Structure formats: C-alpha cells, structure tokens
C-alpha cells in the first residue's frame, strides 16, 4: 500500500476536526524526519509504506508513543513495520482529537 493512497484520508481526518495540513506535516516530520518537500516526492512517486519507513529517520522519542489505536496497544505490536504505521496513526488520531502539539510531539 502506498503512502499516497492513505495521505488524503489523513488530510481529511485532521481538516474535518479543524486542524491544518501544516500541523499534519509537523507531526509526520516529528515521527519520520520527512519535510513537506519530502512528502511531496513520496506522494508523487507512490512510495509504499515499507519504503516510507525504511528511509525514515524515526524520532528517538518514538518509544513514548503509547496507547490504543484500532484496538491495538501500539507499544505491544510485534511487527516493526505495522508498529510504525500505527505510531503514525496514533499521532494523527491525537491531532484530530484536538490534543496540543506539545503533547502529541512528546515534549
């Protein structure tokens, strides 16, 4: 599955809840190190999630992401790729739910 196929859903989710694309990109950049221009390239090239996360520079505080998303505790997911995808889902869910950026970015 490509990141490009899911990205519009992320945008819709956060915008529906009054958040911005800039905030979405800030969250993605915090987790992966990807800038907005990196995301544009990734979307244009239809990079799959495996490559997306293989090339990412995960934030050293990623282990502070805890909680349940889609019925799974993110900190207990054993498959590394699936766990990274759920980390991203969790952060976007927190953004959509109105959490402050300080809390989302684990500052």
PDB file of N, CA and C in Angstrom:
ATOM      1  N   UNK A   1       0.849  -1.169   0.000  1.00  0.00           N
ATOM      2  CA  UNK A   1       0.000   0.000   0.000  1.00  0.00           C
ATOM      3  C   UNK A   1       0.901   1.241   0.000  1.00  0.00           C
ATOM      4  N   UNK A   2       0.560   2.202  -0.830  1.00  0.00           N
ATOM      5  CA  UNK A   2       1.382   3.407  -0.911  1.00  0.00           C
ATOM      6  C   UNK A   2       0.942   4.445   0.118  1.00  0.00           C
ATOM      7  N   UNK A   3       1.901   5.248   0.533  1.00  0.00           N
ATOM      8  CA  UNK A   3       1.609   6.355   1.433  1.00  0.00           C
ATOM      9  C   UNK A   3       0.634   7.307   0.751  1.00  0.00           C
ATOM     10  N   UNK A   4       0.803   7.503  -0.562  1.00  0.00           N
ATOM     11  CA  UNK A   4      -0.057   8.417  -1.331  1.00  0.00           C
ATOM     12  C   UNK A   4      -1.526   8.006  -1.279  1.00  0.00           C
ATOM     13  N   UNK A   5      -1.795   6.714  -1.192  1.00  0.00           N
ATOM     14  CA  UNK A   5      -3.183   6.250  -1.166  1.00  0.00           C
ATOM     15  C   UNK A   5      -3.864   6.540   0.171  1.00  0.00           C
ATOM     16  N   UNK A   6      -3.094   6.698   1.230  1.00  0.00           N
ATOM     17  CA  UNK A   6      -3.643   6.932   2.563  1.00  0.00           C
ATOM     18  C   UNK A   6      -3.588   8.413   2.952  1.00  0.00           C
ATOM     19  N   UNK A   7      -2.630   9.128   2.406  1.00  0.00           N
ATOM     20  CA  UNK A   7      -2.423  10.535   2.762  1.00  0.00           C
ATOM     21  C   UNK A   7      -3.704  11.384   2.674  1.00  0.00           C
ATOM     22  N   UNK A   8      -4.507  11.272   1.607  1.00  0.00           N
ATOM     23  CA  UNK A   8      -5.733  12.088   1.555  1.00  0.00           C
ATOM     24  C   UNK A   8      -6.681  11.814   2.729  1.00  0.00           C
ATOM     25  N   UNK A   9      -6.678  10.607   3.232  1.00  0.00           N
ATOM     26  CA  UNK A   9      -7.512  10.261   4.392  1.00  0.00           C
ATOM     27  C   UNK A   9      -6.990  10.948   5.653  1.00  0.00           C
ATOM     28  N   UNK A  10      -5.662  11.021   5.774  1.00  0.00           N
ATOM     29  CA  UNK A  10      -5.075  11.751   6.898  1.00  0.00           C
ATOM     30  C   UNK A  10      -5.487  13.222   6.846  1.00  0.00           C
ATOM     31  N   UNK A  11      -5.376  13.809   5.652  1.00  0.00           N
ATOM     32  CA  UNK A  11      -5.730  15.222   5.478  1.00  0.00           C
ATOM     33  C   UNK A  11      -7.193  15.449   5.837  1.00  0.00           C
ATOM     34  N   UNK A  12      -8.055  14.615   5.308  1.00  0.00           N
ATOM     35  CA  UNK A  12      -9.495  14.761   5.572  1.00  0.00           C
ATOM     36  C   UNK A  12      -9.787  14.633   7.068  1.00  0.00           C
ATOM     37  N   UNK A  13      -9.154  13.674   7.710  1.00  0.00           N
ATOM     38  CA  UNK A  13      -9.389  13.439   9.137  1.00  0.00           C
ATOM     39  C   UNK A  13      -9.024  14.660   9.966  1.00  0.00           C
ATOM     40  N   UNK A  14      -7.862  15.246   9.720  1.00  0.00           N
ATOM     41  CA  UNK A  14      -7.438  16.376  10.546  1.00  0.00           C
ATOM     42  C   UNK A  14      -8.195  17.650  10.184  1.00  0.00           C
ATOM     43  N   UNK A  15      -8.440  17.874   8.890  1.00  0.00           N
ATOM     44  CA  UNK A  15      -9.151  19.086   8.494  1.00  0.00           C
ATOM     45  C   UNK A  15     -10.601  19.076   8.968  1.00  0.00           C
ATOM     46  N   UNK A  16     -11.216  17.912   8.974  1.00  0.00           N
ATOM     47  CA  UNK A  16     -12.586  17.788   9.460  1.00  0.00           C
ATOM     48  C   UNK A  16     -12.689  18.208  10.920  1.00  0.00           C
ATOM     49  N   UNK A  17     -11.613  17.999  11.660  1.00  0.00           N
ATOM     50  CA  UNK A  17     -11.591  18.331  13.083  1.00  0.00           C
ATOM     51  C   UNK A  17     -10.974  19.704  13.358  1.00  0.00           C
ATOM     52  N   UNK A  18     -10.787  20.505  12.297  1.00  0.00           N
ATOM     53  CA  UNK A  18     -10.300  21.865  12.488  1.00  0.00           C
ATOM     54  C   UNK A  18      -8.799  22.025  12.588  1.00  0.00           C
ATOM     55  N   UNK A  19      -8.060  20.987  12.272  1.00  0.00           N
ATOM     56  CA  UNK A  19      -6.598  21.092  12.285  1.00  0.00           C
ATOM     57  C   UNK A  19      -6.125  21.357  10.855  1.00  0.00           C
ATOM     58  N   UNK A  20      -4.845  21.676  10.700  1.00  0.00           N
ATOM     59  CA  UNK A  20      -4.330  22.078   9.394  1.00  0.00           C
ATOM     60  C   UNK A  20      -3.380  21.041   8.799  1.00  0.00           C
ATOM     61  N   UNK A  21      -3.165  21.193   7.488  1.00  0.00           N
ATOM     62  CA  UNK A  21      -2.189  20.342   6.812  1.00  0.00           C
ATOM     63  C   UNK A  21      -0.794  20.621   7.364  1.00  0.00           C
ATOM     64  N   UNK A  22      -0.525  21.874   7.703  1.00  0.00           N
ATOM     65  CA  UNK A  22       0.782  22.219   8.288  1.00  0.00           C
ATOM     66  C   UNK A  22       1.005  21.452   9.592  1.00  0.00           C
ATOM     67  N   UNK A  23      -0.029  21.339  10.413  1.00  0.00           N
ATOM     68  CA  UNK A  23       0.094  20.578  11.663  1.00  0.00           C
ATOM     69  C   UNK A  23       0.287  19.098  11.366  1.00  0.00           C
ATOM     70  N   UNK A  24      -0.426  18.588  10.365  1.00  0.00           N
ATOM     71  CA  UNK A  24      -0.259  17.190   9.961  1.00  0.00           C
ATOM     72  C   UNK A  24       1.182  16.944   9.537  1.00  0.00           C
ATOM     73  N   UNK A  25       1.724  17.844   8.725  1.00  0.00           N
ATOM     74  CA  UNK A  25       3.107  17.694   8.270  1.00  0.00           C
ATOM     75  C   UNK A  25       4.087  17.803   9.432  1.00  0.00           C
ATOM     76  N   UNK A  26       3.786  18.646  10.395  1.00  0.00           N
ATOM     77  CA  UNK A  26       4.650  18.776  11.577  1.00  0.00           C
ATOM     78  C   UNK A  26       4.706  17.453  12.340  1.00  0.00           C
ATOM     79  N   UNK A  27       3.571  16.806  12.477  1.00  0.00           N
ATOM     80  CA  UNK A  27       3.501  15.521  13.175  1.00  0.00           C
ATOM     81  C   UNK A  27       4.277  14.453  12.401  1.00  0.00           C
ATOM     82  N   UNK A  28       4.070  14.413  11.087  1.00  0.00           N
ATOM     83  CA  UNK A  28       4.775  13.425  10.259  1.00  0.00           C
ATOM     84  C   UNK A  28       6.281  13.683  10.297  1.00  0.00           C
ATOM     85  N   UNK A  29       6.667  14.954  10.239  1.00  0.00           N
ATOM     86  CA  UNK A  29       8.094  15.285  10.285  1.00  0.00           C
ATOM     87  C   UNK A  29       8.697  14.887  11.629  1.00  0.00           C
ATOM     88  N   UNK A  30       7.967  15.114  12.713  1.00  0.00           N
ATOM     89  CA  UNK A  30       8.474  14.726  14.037  1.00  0.00           C
ATOM     90  C   UNK A  30       8.750  13.225  14.079  1.00  0.00           C
ATOM     91  N   UNK A  31       7.813  12.440  13.551  1.00  0.00           N
ATOM     92  CA  UNK A  31       7.959  10.985  13.609  1.00  0.00           C
ATOM     93  C   UNK A  31       9.028  10.471  12.648  1.00  0.00           C
ATOM     94  N   UNK A  32       9.047  10.993  11.412  1.00  0.00           N
ATOM     95  CA  UNK A  32       9.852  10.389  10.348  1.00  0.00           C
ATOM     96  C   UNK A  32      11.059  11.195   9.894  1.00  0.00           C
ATOM     97  N   UNK A  33      11.059  12.489  10.186  1.00  0.00           N
ATOM     98  CA  UNK A  33      12.115  13.358   9.677  1.00  0.00           C
ATOM     99  C   UNK A  33      11.826  13.903   8.296  1.00  0.00           C
ATOM    100  N   UNK A  34      10.720  13.487   7.673  1.00  0.00           N
ATOM    101  CA  UNK A  34      10.382  13.952   6.331  1.00  0.00           C
ATOM    102  C   UNK A  34       9.839  15.373   6.345  1.00  0.00           C
ATOM    103  N   UNK A  35      10.388  16.214   5.475  1.00  0.00           N
ATOM    104  CA  UNK A  35       9.892  17.576   5.308  1.00  0.00           C
ATOM    105  C   UNK A  35       8.699  17.563   4.346  1.00  0.00           C
ATOM    106  N   UNK A  36       8.061  18.710   4.200  1.00  0.00           N
ATOM    107  CA  UNK A  36       6.937  18.817   3.263  1.00  0.00           C
ATOM    108  C   UNK A  36       7.385  18.481   1.848  1.00  0.00           C
ATOM    109  N   UNK A  37       8.566  18.929   1.448  1.00  0.00           N
ATOM    110  CA  UNK A  37       9.052  18.604   0.096  1.00  0.00           C
ATOM    111  C   UNK A  37       9.335  17.107  -0.039  1.00  0.00           C
ATOM    112  N   UNK A  38       9.812  16.482   1.030  1.00  0.00           N
ATOM    113  CA  UNK A  38       9.997  15.024   1.012  1.00  0.00           C
ATOM    114  C   UNK A  38       8.654  14.328   0.818  1.00  0.00           C
ATOM    115  N   UNK A  39       7.631  14.796   1.538  1.00  0.00           N
ATOM    116  CA  UNK A  39       6.303  14.185   1.430  1.00  0.00           C
ATOM    117  C   UNK A  39       5.742  14.332   0.024  1.00  0.00           C
ATOM    118  N   UNK A  40       5.964  15.491  -0.583  1.00  0.00           N
ATOM    119  CA  UNK A  40       5.507  15.698  -1.963  1.00  0.00           C
ATOM    120  C   UNK A  40       6.147  14.673  -2.891  1.00  0.00           C
ATOM    121  N   UNK A  41       7.450  14.467  -2.748  1.00  0.00           N
ATOM    122  CA  UNK A  41       8.166  13.473  -3.563  1.00  0.00           C
ATOM    123  C   UNK A  41       7.642  12.061  -3.309  1.00  0.00           C
ATOM    124  N   UNK A  42       7.423  11.741  -2.053  1.00  0.00           N
ATOM    125  CA  UNK A  42       6.930  10.411  -1.674  1.00  0.00           C
ATOM    126  C   UNK A  42       5.552  10.154  -2.280  1.00  0.00           C
ATOM    127  N   UNK A  43       4.703  11.170  -2.228  1.00  0.00           N
ATOM    128  CA  UNK A  43       3.347  11.037  -2.782  1.00  0.00           C
ATOM    129  C   UNK A  43       3.406  10.918  -4.303  1.00  0.00           C
ATOM    130  N   UNK A  44       4.191  11.776  -4.949  1.00  0.00           N
ATOM    131  CA  UNK A  44       4.305  11.736  -6.415  1.00  0.00           C
ATOM    132  C   UNK A  44       4.845  10.399  -6.913  1.00  0.00           C
ATOM    133  N   UNK A  45       5.781   9.827  -6.172  1.00  0.00           N
ATOM    134  CA  UNK A  45       6.399   8.559  -6.579  1.00  0.00           C
ATOM    135  C   UNK A  45       5.654   7.334  -6.057  1.00  0.00           C
ATOM    136  N   UNK A  46       4.556   7.571  -5.353  1.00  0.00           N
ATOM    137  CA  UNK A  46       3.728   6.476  -4.815  1.00  0.00           C
ATOM    138  C   UNK A  46       4.557   5.448  -4.030  1.00  0.00           C
ATOM    139  N   UNK A  47       5.385   5.983  -3.128  1.00  0.00           N
ATOM    140  CA  UNK A  47       6.247   5.151  -2.287  1.00  0.00           C
ATOM    141  C   UNK A  47       5.373   4.328  -1.334  1.00  0.00           C
ATOM    142  N   UNK A  48       5.684   3.046  -1.214  1.00  0.00           N
ATOM    143  CA  UNK A  48       4.910   2.202  -0.301  1.00  0.00           C
ATOM    144  C   UNK A  48       5.351   2.432   1.147  1.00  0.00           C
ATOM    145  N   UNK A  49       4.512   1.966   2.075  1.00  0.00           N
ATOM    146  CA  UNK A  49       4.805   2.194   3.489  1.00  0.00           C
ATOM    147  C   UNK A  49       6.105   1.531   3.932  1.00  0.00           C
ATOM    148  N   UNK A  50       6.428   0.393   3.362  1.00  0.00           N
ATOM    149  CA  UNK A  50       7.669  -0.283   3.751  1.00  0.00           C
ATOM    150  C   UNK A  50       8.874   0.606   3.423  1.00  0.00           C
ATOM    151  N   UNK A  51       8.905   1.152   2.224  1.00  0.00           N
ATOM    152  CA  UNK A  51       9.988   2.045   1.817  1.00  0.00           C
ATOM    153  C   UNK A  51       9.924   3.357   2.594  1.00  0.00           C
ATOM    154  N   UNK A  52       8.710   3.871   2.779  1.00  0.00           N
ATOM    155  CA  UNK A  52       8.486   5.109   3.531  1.00  0.00           C
ATOM    156  C   UNK A  52       9.169   5.031   4.892  1.00  0.00           C
ATOM    157  N   UNK A  53       8.942   3.948   5.615  1.00  0.00           N
ATOM    158  CA  UNK A  53       9.536   3.828   6.946  1.00  0.00           C
ATOM    159  C   UNK A  53      10.988   3.353   6.911  1.00  0.00           C
ATOM    160  N   UNK A  54      11.363   2.597   5.886  1.00  0.00           N
ATOM    161  CA  UNK A  54      12.758   2.149   5.778  1.00  0.00           C
ATOM    162  C   UNK A  54      13.693   3.337   5.581  1.00  0.00           C
ATOM    163  N   UNK A  55      13.218   4.360   4.873  1.00  0.00           N
ATOM    164  CA  UNK A  55      14.038   5.538   4.590  1.00  0.00           C
ATOM    165  C   UNK A  55      13.863   6.650   5.628  1.00  0.00           C
ATOM    166  N   UNK A  56      12.924   6.473   6.539  1.00  0.00           N
ATOM    167  CA  UNK A  56      12.649   7.500   7.557  1.00  0.00           C
ATOM    168  C   UNK A  56      13.727   7.478   8.643  1.00  0.00           C
ATOM    169  N   UNK A  57      13.885   8.631   9.276  1.00  0.00           N
ATOM    170  CA  UNK A  57      14.757   8.736  10.446  1.00  0.00           C
ATOM    171  C   UNK A  57      13.835   8.902  11.647  1.00  0.00           C
ATOM    172  N   UNK A  58      13.441   7.777  12.235  1.00  0.00           N
ATOM    173  CA  UNK A  58      12.464   7.833  13.325  1.00  0.00           C
ATOM    174  C   UNK A  58      12.977   8.660  14.501  1.00  0.00           C
ATOM    175  N   UNK A  59      12.075   9.405  15.067  1.00  0.00           N
ATOM    176  CA  UNK A  59      12.383  10.236  16.223  1.00  0.00           C
ATOM    177  C   UNK A  59      12.844   9.342  17.378  1.00  0.00           C
ATOM    178  N   UNK A  60      13.887   9.736  18.096  1.00  0.00           N
ATOM    179  CA  UNK A  60      14.359   8.917  19.211  1.00  0.00           C
ATOM    180  C   UNK A  60      13.334   8.776  20.347  1.00  0.00           C
ATOM    181  N   UNK A  61      12.331   9.635  20.370  1.00  0.00           N
ATOM    182  CA  UNK A  61      11.299   9.555  21.413  1.00  0.00           C
ATOM    183  C   UNK A  61      10.088   8.740  20.982  1.00  0.00           C
ATOM    184  N   UNK A  62      10.231   7.978  19.911  1.00  0.00           N
ATOM    185  CA  UNK A  62       9.112   7.189  19.396  1.00  0.00           C
ATOM    186  C   UNK A  62       8.577   6.211  20.458  1.00  0.00           C
ATOM    187  N   UNK A  63       9.441   5.772  21.353  1.00  0.00           N
ATOM    188  CA  UNK A  63       9.001   4.833  22.390  1.00  0.00           C
ATOM    189  C   UNK A  63       8.054   5.483  23.407  1.00  0.00           C
ATOM    190  N   UNK A  64       7.911   6.798  23.346  1.00  0.00           N
ATOM    191  CA  UNK A  64       6.971   7.487  24.237  1.00  0.00           C
ATOM    192  C   UNK A  64       5.547   7.463  23.702  1.00  0.00           C
ATOM    193  N   UNK A  65       5.377   6.982  22.465  1.00  0.00           N
ATOM    194  CA  UNK A  65       4.035   6.861  21.896  1.00  0.00           C
ATOM    195  C   UNK A  65       3.409   5.604  22.470  1.00  0.00           C
ATOM    196  N   UNK A  66       2.364   5.798  23.229  1.00  0.00           N
ATOM    197  CA  UNK A  66       1.693   4.669  23.887  1.00  0.00           C
ATOM    198  C   UNK A  66       0.192   4.845  23.734  1.00  0.00           C
ATOM    199  N   UNK A  67      -0.520   3.756  23.891  1.00  0.00           N
ATOM    200  CA  UNK A  67      -1.971   3.832  23.847  1.00  0.00           C
ATOM    201  C   UNK A  67      -2.552   2.894  22.810  1.00  0.00           C
ATOM    202  N   UNK A  68      -3.857   2.994  22.670  1.00  0.00           N
ATOM    203  CA  UNK A  68      -4.594   2.081  21.800  1.00  0.00           C
ATOM    204  C   UNK A  68      -5.003   2.808  20.519  1.00  0.00           C
ATOM    205  N   UNK A  69      -4.788   2.148  19.407  1.00  0.00           N
ATOM    206  CA  UNK A  69      -5.267   2.628  18.119  1.00  0.00           C
ATOM    207  C   UNK A  69      -5.769   1.416  17.344  1.00  0.00           C
ATOM    208  N   UNK A  70      -6.980   1.519  16.857  1.00  0.00           N
ATOM    209  CA  UNK A  70      -7.611   0.416  16.110  1.00  0.00           C
ATOM    210  C   UNK A  70      -7.627  -0.881  16.921  1.00  0.00           C
ATOM    211  N   UNK A  71      -7.788  -0.760  18.237  1.00  0.00           N
ATOM    212  CA  UNK A  71      -7.891  -1.924  19.097  1.00  0.00           C
ATOM    213  C   UNK A  71      -6.572  -2.551  19.505  1.00  0.00           C
ATOM    214  N   UNK A  72      -5.453  -1.947  19.115  1.00  0.00           N
ATOM    215  CA  UNK A  72      -4.146  -2.491  19.447  1.00  0.00           C
ATOM    216  C   UNK A  72      -3.349  -1.498  20.275  1.00  0.00           C
ATOM    217  N   UNK A  73      -2.627  -1.984  21.279  1.00  0.00           N
ATOM    218  CA  UNK A  73      -1.695  -1.140  22.028  1.00  0.00           C
ATOM    219  C   UNK A  73      -0.463  -0.979  21.157  1.00  0.00           C
ATOM    220  N   UNK A  74      -0.155   0.233  20.762  1.00  0.00           N
ATOM    221  CA  UNK A  74       0.958   0.443  19.832  1.00  0.00           C
ATOM    222  C   UNK A  74       2.283  -0.046  20.384  1.00  0.00           C
ATOM    223  N   UNK A  75       2.468   0.088  21.682  1.00  0.00           N
ATOM    224  CA  UNK A  75       3.747  -0.323  22.269  1.00  0.00           C
ATOM    225  C   UNK A  75       3.919  -1.845  22.325  1.00  0.00           C
ATOM    226  N   UNK A  76       2.843  -2.600  22.073  1.00  0.00           N
ATOM    227  CA  UNK A  76       2.915  -4.064  22.134  1.00  0.00           C
ATOM    228  C   UNK A  76       2.895  -4.733  20.764  1.00  0.00           C
ATOM    229  N   UNK A  77       2.795  -3.953  19.703  1.00  0.00           N
ATOM    230  CA  UNK A  77       2.764  -4.532  18.354  1.00  0.00           C
ATOM    231  C   UNK A  77       4.149  -5.083  18.030  1.00  0.00           C
ATOM    232  N   UNK A  78       4.195  -6.334  17.626  1.00  0.00           N
ATOM    233  CA  UNK A  78       5.475  -7.006  17.404  1.00  0.00           C
ATOM    234  C   UNK A  78       6.065  -6.786  16.017  1.00  0.00           C
ATOM    235  N   UNK A  79       5.224  -6.666  14.999  1.00  0.00           N
ATOM    236  CA  UNK A  79       5.718  -6.444  13.643  1.00  0.00           C
ATOM    237  C   UNK A  79       6.239  -5.009  13.531  1.00  0.00           C
ATOM    238  N   UNK A  80       7.542  -4.818  13.252  1.00  0.00           N
ATOM    239  CA  UNK A  80       8.117  -3.467  13.250  1.00  0.00           C
ATOM    240  C   UNK A  80       7.453  -2.493  12.266  1.00  0.00           C
ATOM    241  N   UNK A  81       7.158  -2.943  11.048  1.00  0.00           N
ATOM    242  CA  UNK A  81       6.525  -2.059  10.073  1.00  0.00           C
ATOM    243  C   UNK A  81       5.113  -1.686  10.521  1.00  0.00           C
ATOM    244  N   UNK A  82       4.354  -2.673  10.941  1.00  0.00           N
ATOM    245  CA  UNK A  82       2.986  -2.424  11.393  1.00  0.00           C
ATOM    246  C   UNK A  82       2.992  -1.478  12.596  1.00  0.00           C
ATOM    247  N   UNK A  83       3.953  -1.644  13.487  1.00  0.00           N
ATOM    248  CA  UNK A  83       4.044  -0.768  14.654  1.00  0.00           C
ATOM    249  C   UNK A  83       4.307   0.678  14.227  1.00  0.00           C
ATOM    250  N   UNK A  84       5.191   0.882  13.258  1.00  0.00           N
ATOM    251  CA  UNK A  84       5.488   2.234  12.792  1.00  0.00           C
ATOM    252  C   UNK A  84       4.264   2.870  12.135  1.00  0.00           C
ATOM    253  N   UNK A  85       3.540   2.082  11.360  1.00  0.00           N
ATOM    254  CA  UNK A  85       2.308   2.592  10.741  1.00  0.00           C
ATOM    255  C   UNK A  85       1.318   3.003  11.825  1.00  0.00           C
ATOM    256  N   UNK A  86       1.194   2.199  12.854  1.00  0.00           N
ATOM    257  CA  UNK A  86       0.261   2.511  13.941  1.00  0.00           C
ATOM    258  C   UNK A  86       0.742   3.682  14.784  1.00  0.00           C
ATOM    259  N   UNK A  87       2.059   3.878  14.901  1.00  0.00           N
ATOM    260  CA  UNK A  87       2.575   5.084  15.557  1.00  0.00           C
ATOM    261  C   UNK A  87       2.055   6.316  14.815  1.00  0.00           C
ATOM    262  N   UNK A  88       2.178   6.282  13.488  1.00  0.00           N
ATOM    263  CA  UNK A  88       1.707   7.395  12.677  1.00  0.00           C
ATOM    264  C   UNK A  88       0.202   7.582  12.848  1.00  0.00           C
ATOM    265  N   UNK A  89      -0.542   6.498  12.807  1.00  0.00           N
ATOM    266  CA  UNK A  89      -1.994   6.571  13.007  1.00  0.00           C
ATOM    267  C   UNK A  89      -2.334   7.179  14.364  1.00  0.00           C
ATOM    268  N   UNK A  90      -1.618   6.780  15.380  1.00  0.00           N
ATOM    269  CA  UNK A  90      -1.871   7.269  16.740  1.00  0.00           C
ATOM    270  C   UNK A  90      -1.641   8.775  16.825  1.00  0.00           C
ATOM    271  N   UNK A  91      -0.530   9.244  16.260  1.00  0.00           N
ATOM    272  CA  UNK A  91      -0.234  10.673  16.295  1.00  0.00           C
ATOM    273  C   UNK A  91      -1.284  11.478  15.536  1.00  0.00           C
ATOM    274  N   UNK A  92      -1.695  10.978  14.378  1.00  0.00           N
ATOM    275  CA  UNK A  92      -2.713  11.677  13.591  1.00  0.00           C
ATOM    276  C   UNK A  92      -4.047  11.662  14.309  1.00  0.00           C
ATOM    277  N   UNK A  93      -4.363  10.570  14.976  1.00  0.00           N
ATOM    278  CA  UNK A  93      -5.592  10.484  15.758  1.00  0.00           C
ATOM    279  C   UNK A  93      -5.573  11.503  16.900  1.00  0.00           C
ATOM    280  N   UNK A  94      -4.442  11.630  17.567  1.00  0.00           N
ATOM    281  CA  UNK A  94      -4.320  12.613  18.651  1.00  0.00           C
ATOM    282  C   UNK A  94      -4.483  14.034  18.115  1.00  0.00           C
ATOM    283  N   UNK A  95      -3.916  14.297  16.948  1.00  0.00           N
ATOM    284  CA  UNK A  95      -4.063  15.602  16.317  1.00  0.00           C
ATOM    285  C   UNK A  95      -5.530  15.892  16.022  1.00  0.00           C
ATOM    286  N   UNK A  96      -6.211  14.924  15.440  1.00  0.00           N
ATOM    287  CA  UNK A  96      -7.626  15.085  15.096  1.00  0.00           C
ATOM    288  C   UNK A  96      -8.502  15.249  16.335  1.00  0.00           C
ATOM    289  N   UNK A  97      -8.083  14.663  17.440  1.00  0.00           N
ATOM    290  CA  UNK A  97      -8.878  14.758  18.670  1.00  0.00           C
ATOM    291  C   UNK A  97      -8.625  16.059  19.432  1.00  0.00           C
ATOM    292  N   UNK A  98      -7.740  16.916  18.888  1.00  0.00           N
ATOM    293  CA  UNK A  98      -7.531  18.225  19.488  1.00  0.00           C
ATOM    294  C   UNK A  98      -6.458  18.311  20.544  1.00  0.00           C
ATOM    295  N   UNK A  99      -5.651  17.283  20.673  1.00  0.00           N
ATOM    296  CA  UNK A  99      -4.554  17.337  21.644  1.00  0.00           C
ATOM    297  C   UNK A  99      -3.584  18.445  21.264  1.00  0.00           C
ATOM    298  N   UNK A 100      -2.938  19.022  22.247  1.00  0.00           N
ATOM    299  CA  UNK A 100      -1.961  20.076  21.969  1.00  0.00           C
ATOM    300  C   UNK A 100      -0.729  19.478  21.293  1.00  0.00           C
ATOM    301  N   UNK A 101      -0.066  20.301  20.482  1.00  0.00           N
ATOM    302  CA  UNK A 101       1.118  19.825  19.768  1.00  0.00           C
ATOM    303  C   UNK A 101       2.213  19.396  20.741  1.00  0.00           C
ATOM    304  N   UNK A 102       2.356  20.077  21.873  1.00  0.00           N
ATOM    305  CA  UNK A 102       3.365  19.682  22.860  1.00  0.00           C
ATOM    306  C   UNK A 102       3.164  18.244  23.307  1.00  0.00           C
ATOM    307  N   UNK A 103       1.918  17.871  23.546  1.00  0.00           N
ATOM    308  CA  UNK A 103       1.635  16.510  23.992  1.00  0.00           C
ATOM    309  C   UNK A 103       1.806  15.506  22.855  1.00  0.00           C
ATOM    310  N   UNK A 104       1.359  15.874  21.662  1.00  0.00           N
ATOM    311  CA  UNK A 104       1.493  14.979  20.519  1.00  0.00           C
ATOM    312  C   UNK A 104       2.963  14.697  20.224  1.00  0.00           C
ATOM    313  N   UNK A 105       3.780  15.741  20.311  1.00  0.00           N
ATOM    314  CA  UNK A 105       5.201  15.622  19.995  1.00  0.00           C
ATOM    315  C   UNK A 105       6.052  15.189  21.182  1.00  0.00           C
ATOM    316  N   UNK A 106       5.370  14.787  22.240  1.00  0.00           N
ATOM    317  CA  UNK A 106       6.016  14.223  23.426  1.00  0.00           C
ATOM    318  C   UNK A 106       7.098  15.126  23.986  1.00  0.00           C
ATOM    319  N   UNK A 107       6.772  16.425  24.111  1.00  0.00           N
ATOM    320  CA  UNK A 107       7.744  17.391  24.656  1.00  0.00           C
ATOM    321  C   UNK A 107       7.555  17.595  26.120  1.00  0.00           C
TER     322      UNK A 107
END
